[in-house]
Amino acid sequence: MSSELIMLAAGDAEVGLAPGNGGRVAGLRVGGVELLRQGERFGCFPMVPWCGRVRDGRFRDGGSVRQMPLNAPPHAIHGTTREAAWRVASHGATEAVLTYDLVDPWPYPGRVTQAFTLTPDSLTLTMSVEAYDSSFPAQIGWHPWFNRNLDGGGADADADADVRIDFTPAWQEERGADHLPTGNRVDPEPGPWDDCFGMPDGVDVTLTWPERLELKVASREEWVVVYDEQAEAVCVEPQTGPPNGLNTHPRLVTPIDPLEATTTWSWRRL
């Protein structure tokens, strides 16, 4: 796994991309302050060609049942690309494009493209999935790990400086004992969360580090998973369908109809 980063910069914002480590955003610094949890598993990784867990690693495509590796037993989780090496298609001062050709264990040939655009006060991530010949179901999503505390966390961190998550979902997907949606929609419940929410007017979640920074996660997609059960970081994950969506909300990608999604993170100083 290559640790080489490619860097984008605009104003006092800096982004490090790790093509060799899942095509992830390895870091986002604003005014010298790192917003993403550091480590080879963290930053912000793409979830593709599915998001979250797939029940028992199986999904149906027409008359065929496909089996994915159980990397979160008894389920498969977060797609097949987050530990793979991506290719750098282009790289400028404020923009970059990475690509990945879908290979085994994903049973269908295709290509994933990620585009990154940085401005002094925003980062836009766009991802698309193309099918070469056979059509297939797919999902797109992003899994950012935002630092809970911008002062480094730990025992000495000021809990009053921890991030606050604000959003107004229309519903919450009821979560079963297996961490998968049951298919029932319930009124949103208070956290802590490892849950999927519906926002039919588009994802709109605000993270506020008191007296430091406000960051808005926005997307035209209507699904977002919020995970805040870890002490070090919180996750706000826009995606094109809920967990297990290859089975419950399949979106067919065809050679003439790719799947594309975009999320923008915008920030301002407080």
Protein backbone atom coordinates (compact mmCIF):
# COMPACT_ATOMS: atom_id res chain seq x y z
CA MET A 1 0.00 0.00 0.00
CA SER A 2 1.52 3.30 -1.12
CA SER A 3 1.55 6.13 1.43
CA GLU A 4 2.32 8.79 -1.17
CA LEU A 5 -0.02 11.78 -1.01
CA ILE A 6 -1.02 14.25 -3.66
CA MET A 7 -1.79 17.68 -2.29
CA LEU A 8 -4.38 20.32 -3.14
CA ALA A 9 -4.30 23.85 -1.70
CA ALA A 10 -6.59 26.88 -1.85
CA GLY A 11 -6.30 29.81 0.53
CA ASP A 12 -5.46 28.35 3.92
CA ALA A 13 -7.15 24.99 3.12
CA GLU A 14 -5.06 21.92 2.30
CA VAL A 15 -6.22 18.47 1.22
CA GLY A 16 -4.09 15.33 1.04
CA LEU A 17 -5.31 12.51 -1.23
CA ALA A 18 -4.03 8.94 -0.91
CA PRO A 19 -4.53 7.17 -4.26
CA GLY A 20 -2.62 4.11 -3.03
CA ASN A 21 -4.79 3.74 0.06
CA GLY A 22 -8.32 3.42 -1.24
CA GLY A 23 -8.44 6.74 -3.07
CA ARG A 24 -9.28 8.40 0.22
CA VAL A 25 -9.02 11.95 1.48
CA ALA A 26 -6.22 11.41 3.97
CA GLY A 27 -6.40 14.87 5.49
CA LEU A 28 -8.20 18.20 5.39
CA ARG A 29 -6.48 21.11 7.13
CA VAL A 30 -8.08 24.54 7.50
CA GLY A 31 -5.84 27.24 8.91
CA GLY A 32 -3.38 24.52 9.93
CA VAL A 33 -6.01 22.58 11.92
CA GLU A 34 -6.70 18.97 10.87
CA LEU A 35 -10.41 18.19 10.61
CA LEU A 36 -10.17 14.46 9.77
CA ARG A 37 -9.06 11.66 12.03
CA GLN A 38 -5.62 10.47 11.00
CA GLY A 39 -4.57 6.88 10.25
CA GLU A 40 -4.56 4.55 7.27
CA ARG A 41 -8.17 3.41 7.97
CA PHE A 42 -9.56 6.89 8.53
CA GLY A 43 -9.65 10.22 6.70
CA CYS A 44 -12.58 9.91 4.27
CA PHE A 45 -12.90 6.85 2.06
CA PRO A 46 -15.27 6.15 -0.84
CA MET A 47 -17.94 3.50 -0.34
CA VAL A 48 -18.47 1.83 -3.71
CA PRO A 49 -19.99 -0.24 -5.32
CA TRP A 50 -22.11 -0.41 -2.16
CA CYS A 51 -22.51 1.51 1.13
CA GLY A 52 -22.52 0.11 4.65
CA ARG A 53 -23.39 -3.52 5.22
CA VAL A 54 -24.82 -6.06 2.79
CA ARG A 55 -26.71 -8.76 4.66
CA ASP A 56 -24.66 -11.97 4.72
CA GLY A 57 -22.61 -10.50 1.88
CA ARG A 58 -25.25 -11.56 -0.65
CA PHE A 59 -27.28 -9.63 -3.17
CA ARG A 60 -29.47 -10.68 -6.05
CA ASP A 61 -29.05 -9.52 -9.61
CA GLY A 62 -31.93 -10.92 -11.63
CA GLY A 63 -31.80 -14.68 -11.23
CA SER A 64 -28.25 -14.69 -9.85
CA VAL A 65 -27.19 -14.45 -6.21
CA ARG A 66 -23.77 -12.83 -5.79
CA GLN A 67 -21.57 -13.46 -2.75
CA MET A 68 -19.15 -10.82 -1.48
CA PRO A 69 -16.35 -11.48 1.05
CA LEU A 70 -17.54 -11.20 4.66
CA ASN A 71 -15.17 -8.47 5.81
CA ALA A 72 -17.49 -7.54 8.71
CA PRO A 73 -18.88 -10.99 9.63
CA PRO A 74 -21.62 -11.98 9.12
CA HIS A 75 -21.88 -9.16 6.56
CA ALA A 76 -19.87 -7.47 3.80
CA ILE A 77 -19.23 -3.79 4.41
CA HIS A 78 -18.33 -0.56 2.57
CA GLY A 79 -17.63 -1.88 -0.93
CA THR A 80 -14.45 -3.20 -2.54
CA THR A 81 -12.29 -0.13 -3.18
CA ARG A 82 -11.33 1.42 0.17
CA GLU A 83 -8.10 -0.60 0.48
CA ALA A 84 -7.27 -0.68 -3.25
CA ALA A 85 -4.84 1.42 -5.26
CA TRP A 86 -6.46 4.06 -7.46
CA ARG A 87 -4.91 5.67 -10.53
CA VAL A 88 -4.26 9.41 -10.73
CA ALA A 89 -5.95 10.56 -13.94
CA SER A 90 -5.21 14.26 -13.41
CA HIS A 91 -3.84 16.50 -10.69
CA GLY A 92 -3.66 20.29 -10.47
CA ALA A 93 -3.27 22.82 -7.68
CA THR A 94 -6.92 22.70 -6.58
CA GLU A 95 -8.40 19.73 -8.48
CA ALA A 96 -7.68 16.04 -8.96
CA VAL A 97 -9.31 13.02 -10.58
CA LEU A 98 -8.76 9.40 -9.51
CA THR A 99 -10.05 6.26 -11.21
CA TYR A 100 -10.44 2.62 -10.25
CA ASP A 101 -11.38 -0.32 -12.48
CA LEU A 102 -13.73 -2.70 -10.70
CA VAL A 103 -12.22 -6.18 -10.40
CA ASP A 104 -12.75 -9.40 -8.46
CA PRO A 105 -14.49 -9.92 -6.02
CA TRP A 106 -16.93 -7.55 -7.72
CA PRO A 107 -18.36 -9.70 -10.52
CA TYR A 108 -18.97 -6.97 -13.12
CA PRO A 109 -16.47 -4.91 -15.12
CA GLY A 110 -16.78 -1.17 -14.68
CA ARG A 111 -14.98 1.99 -13.68
CA VAL A 112 -15.26 4.32 -10.71
CA THR A 113 -14.15 7.93 -11.06
CA GLN A 114 -13.63 10.36 -8.21
CA ALA A 115 -13.19 14.11 -8.76
CA PHE A 116 -12.05 16.52 -6.03
CA THR A 117 -12.33 20.31 -6.18
CA LEU A 118 -10.98 22.52 -3.40
CA THR A 119 -11.74 26.21 -2.83
CA PRO A 120 -10.68 28.32 0.19
CA ASP A 121 -13.96 27.45 1.95
CA SER A 122 -15.20 24.17 0.45
CA LEU A 123 -14.30 20.72 -0.82
CA THR A 124 -16.53 19.07 -3.43
CA LEU A 125 -16.32 15.32 -4.03
CA THR A 126 -18.00 13.75 -7.04
CA MET A 127 -18.07 10.03 -7.78
CA SER A 128 -19.45 8.04 -10.68
CA VAL A 129 -19.78 4.35 -11.52
CA GLU A 130 -19.83 3.24 -15.17
CA ALA A 131 -20.73 -0.19 -16.53
CA TYR A 132 -18.75 -1.46 -19.52
CA ASP A 133 -21.06 -4.17 -20.86
CA SER A 134 -23.16 -5.93 -18.19
CA SER A 135 -25.57 -3.84 -16.11
CA PHE A 136 -25.36 -4.16 -12.33
CA PRO A 137 -26.78 -2.68 -9.11
CA ALA A 138 -24.54 -0.23 -7.26
CA GLN A 139 -24.36 2.45 -4.60
CA ILE A 140 -22.09 5.43 -3.96
CA GLY A 141 -21.23 7.00 -0.62
CA TRP A 142 -18.52 8.71 1.42
CA HIS A 143 -17.33 7.78 4.90
CA PRO A 144 -15.56 10.75 6.50
CA TRP A 145 -14.14 10.55 10.03
CA PHE A 146 -14.30 14.10 11.43
CA ASN A 147 -12.30 14.73 14.58
CA ARG A 148 -14.60 15.05 17.56
CA ASN A 149 -12.29 17.63 19.09
CA LEU A 150 -9.96 19.90 17.14
CA ASP A 151 -7.46 20.08 19.97
CA GLY A 152 -6.43 16.46 19.55
CA GLY A 153 -8.88 14.74 21.89
CA GLY A 154 -7.54 12.54 24.66
CA ALA A 155 -8.00 12.76 28.41
CA ASP A 156 -6.93 16.39 28.56
CA ALA A 157 -9.31 17.63 25.86
CA ASP A 158 -12.05 20.06 26.80
CA ALA A 159 -15.36 18.23 26.34
CA ASP A 160 -17.10 21.58 25.86
CA ALA A 161 -15.11 21.91 22.62
CA ASP A 162 -16.45 18.64 21.17
CA VAL A 163 -18.27 18.85 17.88
CA ARG A 164 -22.06 19.23 17.78
CA ILE A 165 -24.09 17.52 15.05
CA ASP A 166 -27.23 19.33 13.83
CA PHE A 167 -29.67 18.00 11.25
CA THR A 168 -33.41 17.57 10.76
CA PRO A 169 -34.17 14.25 9.05
CA ALA A 170 -37.66 13.31 7.91
CA TRP A 171 -37.27 9.80 9.30
CA GLN A 172 -34.86 7.29 10.77
CA GLU A 173 -34.46 3.78 9.42
CA GLU A 174 -35.29 1.40 12.27
CA ARG A 175 -32.11 -0.53 13.03
CA GLY A 176 -32.27 -4.25 13.74
CA ALA A 177 -30.03 -6.21 16.09
CA ASP A 178 -27.82 -6.98 13.09
CA HIS A 179 -27.24 -3.22 12.50
CA LEU A 180 -29.24 -3.34 9.25
CA PRO A 181 -32.45 -1.42 8.55
CA THR A 182 -35.55 -3.48 9.21
CA GLY A 183 -37.53 -1.70 6.49
CA ASN A 184 -39.57 0.31 9.01
CA ARG A 185 -39.27 4.09 9.18
CA VAL A 186 -39.50 5.65 12.64
CA ASP A 187 -39.39 9.15 14.07
CA PRO A 188 -35.79 10.34 14.51
CA GLU A 189 -34.38 9.38 17.91
CA PRO A 190 -31.66 11.07 19.95
CA GLY A 191 -28.09 9.78 19.68
CA PRO A 192 -25.63 8.28 20.04
CA TRP A 193 -26.15 6.92 16.55
CA ASP A 194 -25.01 4.28 14.12
CA ASP A 195 -28.09 4.87 12.03
CA CYS A 196 -29.41 5.77 8.61
CA PHE A 197 -31.69 8.78 8.15
CA GLY A 198 -33.86 10.01 5.30
CA MET A 199 -33.57 13.60 4.07
CA PRO A 200 -35.72 13.72 0.92
CA ASP A 201 -34.79 17.35 0.17
CA GLY A 202 -31.11 16.43 0.21
CA VAL A 203 -28.52 15.74 2.90
CA ASP A 204 -27.94 18.83 5.05
CA VAL A 205 -25.91 18.24 8.23
CA THR A 206 -23.97 20.87 10.18
CA LEU A 207 -20.97 20.10 12.37
CA THR A 208 -20.04 22.83 14.84
CA TRP A 209 -16.85 22.93 16.89
CA PRO A 210 -17.76 25.67 19.39
CA GLU A 211 -15.96 28.98 18.86
CA ARG A 212 -13.79 27.34 16.19
CA LEU A 213 -15.43 26.18 12.99
CA GLU A 214 -18.74 25.28 11.38
CA LEU A 215 -18.75 22.71 8.57
CA LYS A 216 -21.79 21.79 6.48
CA VAL A 217 -22.10 18.41 4.73
CA ALA A 218 -24.50 18.72 1.81
CA SER A 219 -25.60 16.43 -1.00
CA ARG A 220 -28.58 16.07 -3.33
CA GLU A 221 -28.88 12.45 -2.16
CA GLU A 222 -31.57 11.69 0.42
CA TRP A 223 -29.75 9.16 2.61
CA VAL A 224 -27.19 9.81 5.32
CA VAL A 225 -25.66 7.54 7.95
CA VAL A 226 -24.54 9.26 11.15
CA TYR A 227 -22.09 7.43 13.42
CA ASP A 228 -20.89 9.03 16.64
CA GLU A 229 -20.23 6.09 18.95
CA GLN A 230 -16.43 6.49 18.96
CA ALA A 231 -14.63 8.86 21.30
CA GLU A 232 -12.21 10.14 18.67
CA ALA A 233 -14.40 11.00 15.70
CA VAL A 234 -17.87 11.35 14.23
CA CYS A 235 -19.01 10.25 10.77
CA VAL A 236 -21.58 11.86 8.47
CA GLU A 237 -21.98 9.68 5.38
CA PRO A 238 -24.06 10.85 2.40
CA GLN A 239 -25.01 7.94 0.16
CA THR A 240 -27.31 6.98 -2.70
CA GLY A 241 -29.22 4.38 -0.70
CA PRO A 242 -29.48 2.86 2.77
CA PRO A 243 -27.33 0.03 4.16
CA ASN A 244 -28.19 -3.27 2.45
CA GLY A 245 -29.47 -1.14 -0.40
CA LEU A 246 -28.19 -3.55 -3.07
CA ASN A 247 -31.07 -5.73 -1.89
CA THR A 248 -33.69 -3.20 -0.78
CA HIS A 249 -33.14 -0.13 -3.02
CA PRO A 250 -31.12 -1.33 -6.01
CA ARG A 251 -30.04 1.31 -8.52
CA LEU A 252 -29.13 -0.31 -11.84
CA VAL A 253 -26.03 0.99 -13.61
CA THR A 254 -26.12 0.36 -17.35
CA PRO A 255 -23.64 1.11 -20.16
CA ILE A 256 -25.74 4.17 -21.08
CA ASP A 257 -26.81 5.23 -17.58
CA PRO A 258 -23.98 5.62 -15.04
CA LEU A 259 -24.55 6.38 -11.36
CA GLU A 260 -23.19 9.72 -10.14
CA ALA A 261 -23.34 11.53 -6.81
CA THR A 262 -21.77 14.63 -5.27
CA THR A 263 -21.19 15.93 -1.77
CA THR A 264 -19.82 19.32 -0.74
CA TRP A 265 -18.24 20.20 2.57
CA SER A 266 -18.26 23.96 3.21
CA TRP A 267 -16.87 25.68 6.28
CA ARG A 268 -16.63 29.02 8.01
CA ARG A 269 -14.75 30.31 11.02
CA LEU A 270 -16.67 31.15 14.18
